[in-house]
Protein backbone atom coordinates (compact mmCIF):
# COMPACT_ATOMS: atom_id res chain seq x y z
CA MET A 1 106.27 -8.70 178.79
CA PRO A 2 104.93 -6.85 175.33
CA ASN A 3 104.17 -2.99 176.48
CA LEU A 4 100.88 -2.43 175.44
CA CYS A 5 100.07 1.34 174.15
CA GLU A 6 97.69 4.14 176.50
CA HIS A 7 96.32 5.49 173.76
CA CYS A 8 95.20 2.57 170.89
CA GLY A 9 95.82 -0.80 173.03
CA GLN A 10 98.38 -2.11 170.48
CA SER A 11 100.80 -4.58 171.81
CA ASN A 12 104.13 -3.37 171.54
CA ARG A 13 107.85 -5.42 172.00
CA ALA A 14 109.41 -4.73 175.92
CA SER A 15 111.90 -2.45 174.75
CA ALA A 16 109.90 -0.08 172.04
CA MET A 17 109.52 3.49 172.93
CA PHE A 18 106.44 4.46 170.20
CA CYS A 19 103.65 2.54 169.73
CA ILE A 20 103.11 0.46 166.09
CA GLY A 21 100.01 1.52 165.87
CA CYS A 22 99.13 4.84 166.67
CA ALA A 23 103.32 6.44 167.32
CA GLY A 24 102.34 7.54 170.29
CA LYS A 25 104.58 7.35 173.48
CA LEU A 26 104.79 4.62 175.03
CA PRO A 27 105.30 4.41 179.20
CA GLY A 28 108.73 3.06 179.29
CA PHE A 29 109.91 5.93 176.93
CA GLU A 30 112.84 8.22 177.95
CA SER A 31 113.51 11.09 176.30
CA SER A 32 117.33 11.76 175.42
CA GLY A 33 117.22 15.61 174.20
CA PRO A 34 114.81 17.85 172.77
CA SER A 35 112.34 16.92 169.43
CA ALA A 36 112.87 17.92 166.64
CA LEU A 37 109.69 19.80 167.35
CA GLU A 38 110.92 21.70 169.83
CA ALA A 39 114.24 22.79 168.17
CA MET A 40 112.26 24.43 165.61
CA LYS A 41 109.99 26.17 168.10
CA ALA A 42 113.19 27.49 169.77
CA LEU A 43 114.59 28.25 167.03
CA SER A 44 111.88 30.39 165.55
CA THR A 45 112.16 32.42 169.03
CA ARG A 46 115.75 33.56 167.35
CA ILE A 47 115.08 34.60 164.29
CA PRO A 48 115.28 38.33 163.87
CA SER A 49 112.39 40.93 162.98
CA ALA A 50 112.35 43.59 160.60
CA THR A 51 112.39 47.02 162.01
CA SER A 52 110.70 50.08 160.58
CA ASN A 53 113.66 51.32 159.21
CA GLY A 54 114.67 48.10 157.47
CA GLU A 55 117.23 47.06 159.83
CA MET A 56 116.50 43.44 161.32
CA GLU A 57 116.41 42.54 164.98
CA PRO A 58 116.95 39.64 167.24
CA SER A 59 114.38 38.65 169.64
CA GLN A 60 114.33 39.80 173.06
CA GLY A 61 116.39 37.96 175.24
CA GLU A 62 118.26 35.76 173.13
CA PRO A 63 121.70 36.59 172.38
CA LEU A 64 123.30 37.33 169.05
CA LEU A 65 125.52 34.81 167.30
CA PRO A 66 128.92 36.00 166.00
CA SER A 67 127.76 35.44 162.31
CA GLU A 68 124.46 37.70 162.79
CA THR A 69 126.76 41.19 163.49
CA LYS A 70 127.91 43.51 160.84
CA VAL A 71 130.74 43.63 163.00
CA PHE A 72 131.60 40.32 162.04
CA TRP A 73 130.77 40.73 158.13
CA LEU A 74 133.19 43.80 158.59
CA GLN A 75 135.97 42.27 159.36
CA LEU A 76 135.56 39.31 157.62
CA GLY A 77 135.95 41.55 154.60
CA ALA A 78 139.07 43.15 155.42
CA ALA A 79 140.99 39.90 156.03
CA GLY A 80 139.91 38.84 152.72
CA MET A 81 140.91 42.19 151.03
CA ALA A 82 144.20 41.94 152.96
CA MET A 83 145.03 38.64 151.85
CA SER A 84 144.37 39.28 148.13
CA ILE A 85 146.45 42.77 148.36
CA GLY A 86 149.38 40.42 149.51
CA PHE A 87 149.29 37.58 147.28
CA MET A 88 149.17 40.42 144.36
CA ALA A 89 152.41 42.25 146.24
CA TRP A 90 153.68 38.22 146.36
CA PHE A 91 153.11 37.59 142.92
CA LEU A 92 154.37 40.86 141.30
CA HIS A 93 158.14 40.19 143.43
CA ALA A 94 158.38 37.14 142.39
CA THR A 95 157.44 37.09 138.62
CA ALA A 96 159.91 40.64 138.27
CA LYS A 97 163.22 40.65 136.01
CA PRO A 98 165.99 41.93 137.33
CA SER A 99 167.52 44.85 135.08
CA ALA A 100 170.00 45.24 133.03
CA PRO A 101 173.44 46.53 134.65
CA SER A 102 174.67 50.04 134.17
CA GLY A 103 177.53 50.61 131.45
CA GLY A 104 179.41 52.02 134.39
CA ASN A 105 178.80 49.58 136.96
CA LEU A 106 181.92 47.60 137.44
CA MET A 107 180.42 44.35 139.21
CA GLN A 108 178.82 43.15 135.80
CA SER A 109 177.23 39.69 135.15
CA PRO A 110 179.60 36.97 134.54
CA GLN A 111 177.27 36.93 131.07
CA ALA A 112 177.43 40.31 129.96
CA THR A 113 181.50 40.49 130.21
CA ALA A 114 181.67 37.07 128.49
CA PRO A 115 181.34 37.81 124.97
CA GLN A 116 183.99 40.85 125.50
CA LEU A 117 186.28 38.80 127.06
CA ALA A 118 186.12 36.32 124.16
CA THR A 119 186.58 38.79 121.19
CA LYS A 120 189.54 40.58 123.41
CA ASP A 121 191.22 36.84 123.77
CA PHE A 122 190.70 36.82 119.68
CA VAL A 123 192.37 39.52 118.65
CA ALA A 124 195.32 39.04 120.92
CA VAL A 125 196.12 36.12 119.77
CA ALA A 126 195.21 36.89 115.86
CA PRO A 127 198.80 36.35 114.09
CA ARG A 128 199.61 39.48 111.77
CA ARG A 129 199.64 39.22 108.14
CA SER A 130 203.11 39.42 106.93
CA SER A 131 203.46 41.78 103.54
CA SER A 132 206.01 39.52 101.65
CA PRO A 133 204.25 36.80 99.55
CA PRO A 134 203.81 33.18 100.89
CA VAL A 135 206.79 30.78 99.78
CA PRO A 136 205.17 28.21 97.69
CA ALA A 137 205.65 24.30 98.66
CA PRO A 138 207.93 22.28 96.97
CA ASP A 139 205.72 19.80 94.85
CA PRO A 140 205.66 15.89 95.87
CA ALA A 141 208.08 13.74 94.30
CA PRO A 142 205.84 11.54 92.16
CA ALA A 143 205.38 8.33 93.28
CA PRO A 144 206.90 5.17 91.34
CA ARG A 145 204.58 3.65 89.46
CA ALA A 146 203.49 -0.02 90.23
CA ALA A 147 204.06 -2.82 87.72
CA VAL A 148 201.19 -3.76 86.10
CA ARG A 149 200.17 -7.14 85.66
CA SER A 150 197.21 -8.70 84.53
CA LEU A 151 195.06 -10.54 86.33
CA PRO A 152 193.16 -14.31 85.53
CA ALA A 153 189.80 -13.50 84.76
CA PRO A 154 187.21 -14.55 87.43
CA VAL A 155 185.98 -18.52 87.42
CA GLY A 156 182.88 -19.21 85.34
CA LYS A 157 183.21 -15.89 83.32
CA ALA A 158 185.14 -15.44 80.19
CA PRO A 159 186.00 -12.08 78.87
CA LEU A 160 184.15 -9.82 76.36
CA VAL A 161 186.39 -9.41 73.56
CA LYS A 162 185.20 -7.83 70.49
CA SER A 163 188.16 -7.84 67.85
CA ALA A 164 189.66 -10.83 66.30
CA ALA A 165 193.22 -9.83 67.04
CA ALA A 166 191.85 -9.56 71.40
CA THR A 167 189.79 -13.26 70.68
CA SER A 168 193.05 -14.89 69.51
CA LEU A 169 194.67 -13.32 72.80
CA ALA A 170 191.61 -13.82 75.42
CA LEU A 171 190.78 -17.11 73.73
CA PRO A 172 194.14 -19.76 72.44
CA ARG A 173 193.38 -22.62 70.46
CA GLU A 174 193.79 -25.25 71.79
CA SER A 175 195.10 -28.29 69.73
CA SER A 176 192.80 -31.02 69.52
CA PRO A 177 193.54 -35.13 68.32
CA ASP A 178 190.04 -34.48 66.83
CA PRO A 179 189.07 -32.27 63.98
CA GLN A 180 185.63 -31.89 64.55
CA VAL A 181 185.63 -30.99 68.51
CA ARG A 182 187.99 -28.54 67.56
CA ALA A 183 186.41 -26.25 64.47
CA VAL A 184 183.35 -26.79 67.19
CA LYS A 185 185.41 -25.31 69.90
CA ASP A 186 187.00 -22.30 67.39
CA PHE A 187 183.13 -21.93 66.67
CA TYR A 188 182.06 -21.26 70.00
CA ARG A 189 185.45 -19.12 70.93
CA ALA A 190 184.50 -16.65 68.48
CA LEU A 191 180.96 -17.12 69.05
CA SER A 192 181.82 -15.94 72.79
CA ALA A 193 183.43 -13.00 71.58
CA ALA A 194 180.71 -11.79 69.45
CA ASP A 195 183.10 -12.64 66.41
CA GLY A 196 180.60 -13.44 64.02
CA ARG A 197 183.00 -12.80 61.01
CA THR A 198 185.45 -16.16 62.18
CA ALA A 199 182.50 -18.15 63.31
CA ALA A 200 181.69 -18.01 60.11
CA ALA A 201 184.30 -19.20 58.62
CA PHE A 202 183.72 -22.76 60.60
CA VAL A 203 180.31 -22.98 58.65
CA VAL A 204 180.23 -25.35 55.63
CA PRO A 205 180.07 -22.63 52.29
CA ALA A 206 176.33 -23.85 51.11
CA LYS A 207 175.20 -22.08 54.36
CA ARG A 208 177.79 -19.53 55.16
CA GLY A 209 175.85 -15.95 55.34
CA LEU A 210 172.40 -17.06 55.63
CA GLY A 211 170.10 -16.91 58.44
CA ALA A 212 171.87 -18.05 61.80
CA PHE A 213 175.05 -18.29 59.87
CA ASN A 214 174.88 -14.39 59.17
CA GLU A 215 178.05 -12.98 60.55
CA ALA A 216 176.41 -9.82 61.03
CA ASN A 217 173.36 -11.27 62.74
CA MET A 218 175.79 -13.29 64.80
CA SER A 219 177.90 -10.35 65.98
CA ARG A 220 175.07 -8.37 66.75
CA PHE A 221 172.95 -11.02 68.99
CA TYR A 222 176.10 -12.59 71.40
CA GLY A 223 177.60 -8.82 71.45
CA SER A 224 174.30 -8.33 73.16
CA PHE A 225 174.50 -10.49 76.23
CA GLU A 226 174.90 -9.29 79.98
CA ARG A 227 177.38 -12.33 80.10
CA PRO A 228 179.14 -13.44 77.14
CA LEU A 229 178.67 -17.51 76.19
CA LEU A 230 180.80 -19.36 78.34
CA ILE A 231 181.82 -22.95 76.94
CA ARG A 232 180.97 -25.52 79.56
CA SER A 233 182.07 -28.57 77.64
CA ILE A 234 182.54 -30.09 74.21
CA ARG A 235 182.64 -33.95 73.41
CA PRO A 236 181.96 -35.98 70.11
CA ILE A 237 179.00 -38.07 70.11
CA ASP A 238 179.91 -40.21 66.33
CA ALA A 239 181.97 -39.54 63.47
CA SER A 240 179.77 -36.57 62.17
CA VAL A 241 177.94 -35.50 65.43
CA VAL A 242 179.58 -33.19 68.39
CA GLU A 243 177.70 -32.23 72.21
CA ALA A 244 178.43 -28.64 73.08
CA LYS A 245 176.97 -27.48 75.94
CA TYR A 246 177.49 -23.82 77.18
CA SER A 247 175.55 -20.45 79.04
CA TYR A 248 174.95 -17.40 78.64
CA ARG A 249 172.92 -14.11 80.06
CA ILE A 250 170.55 -12.11 78.26
CA SER A 251 169.38 -9.15 80.67
CA ARG A 252 167.80 -11.61 83.55
CA THR A 253 167.74 -14.57 81.16
CA THR A 254 170.25 -17.07 82.11
CA CYS A 255 170.35 -19.48 79.43
CA GLU A 256 172.59 -23.17 79.70
CA GLY A 257 172.04 -24.68 76.27
CA THR A 258 173.22 -27.73 74.97
CA ALA A 259 173.50 -28.29 71.22
CA PHE A 260 174.05 -30.78 68.63
CA VAL A 261 176.27 -29.52 65.99
CA GLU A 262 176.67 -31.59 62.82
CA THR A 263 179.90 -31.50 60.71
CA GLU A 264 181.22 -32.68 57.38
CA ARG A 265 184.45 -32.50 55.59
CA VAL A 266 184.49 -30.01 52.35
CA GLY A 267 187.97 -30.09 50.70
CA GLY A 268 189.71 -31.53 53.45
CA ALA A 269 188.27 -29.33 56.27
CA THR A 270 185.75 -30.32 59.07
CA LEU A 271 183.03 -27.47 58.60
CA ILE A 272 179.74 -27.21 60.70
CA ARG A 273 176.77 -28.11 58.65
CA ARG A 274 173.67 -28.30 61.22
CA ILE A 275 173.15 -26.94 64.47
CA ARG A 276 170.29 -28.11 66.91
CA ALA A 277 169.99 -26.12 70.35
CA ASN A 278 167.68 -25.99 73.24
CA CYS A 279 168.77 -21.67 73.27
């Protein structure tokens, strides 16, 4: 059943202890301890009052707490000071460096005696110098020289020979049944060796020494290659035209050339009259 307030008549739930209308105590209220107001009143009676000489005295009839006495604070300060002194003594003991052993102490540390022992051992095993001059060791017998043999040139690379005599050794002439093929092959062999004078001998007299067929120009140009001219193939096209394929490299540029060489008979010899090439 609802719980009615005796002060304001407000209806409250049956288990309520205070009125919802006026906050007063309901008839079924049971105190579980002193209220906050009562606790504050009891505490105010224990607060010490100031005396005429400035000291605080507690109210009559109430015992003092340990924290309200001078002896408590004196003991607390003494304990703190003792702890500080003990900590400082431990810190100094832990950080103190051991003193070096005296020179007359026989029980020296291994670190101090190690350098002395090492020096004594070195002096004991050091060899004595002889007053007689050292005898020089005999010179070793010279090794026999191996027989020197010439190695063949790598495949795809022609040897760079500057002189005509070396050209004849490095690039031997090959006999060919076709005189125009033989003339064109000998002409490009001379260019591979940068021998402009020999190459000009296979050019008709009317154009020999002019423009691209100049001896000095051919020697200078074909001698500046990083990889000399290498003949790939030479074959006849007709009775007066021969196709020549070759390659060379100037610094970083490589030329894969194809030339059509026109020949003619002059005084019983087959000579070169004109060359059309892509490079």
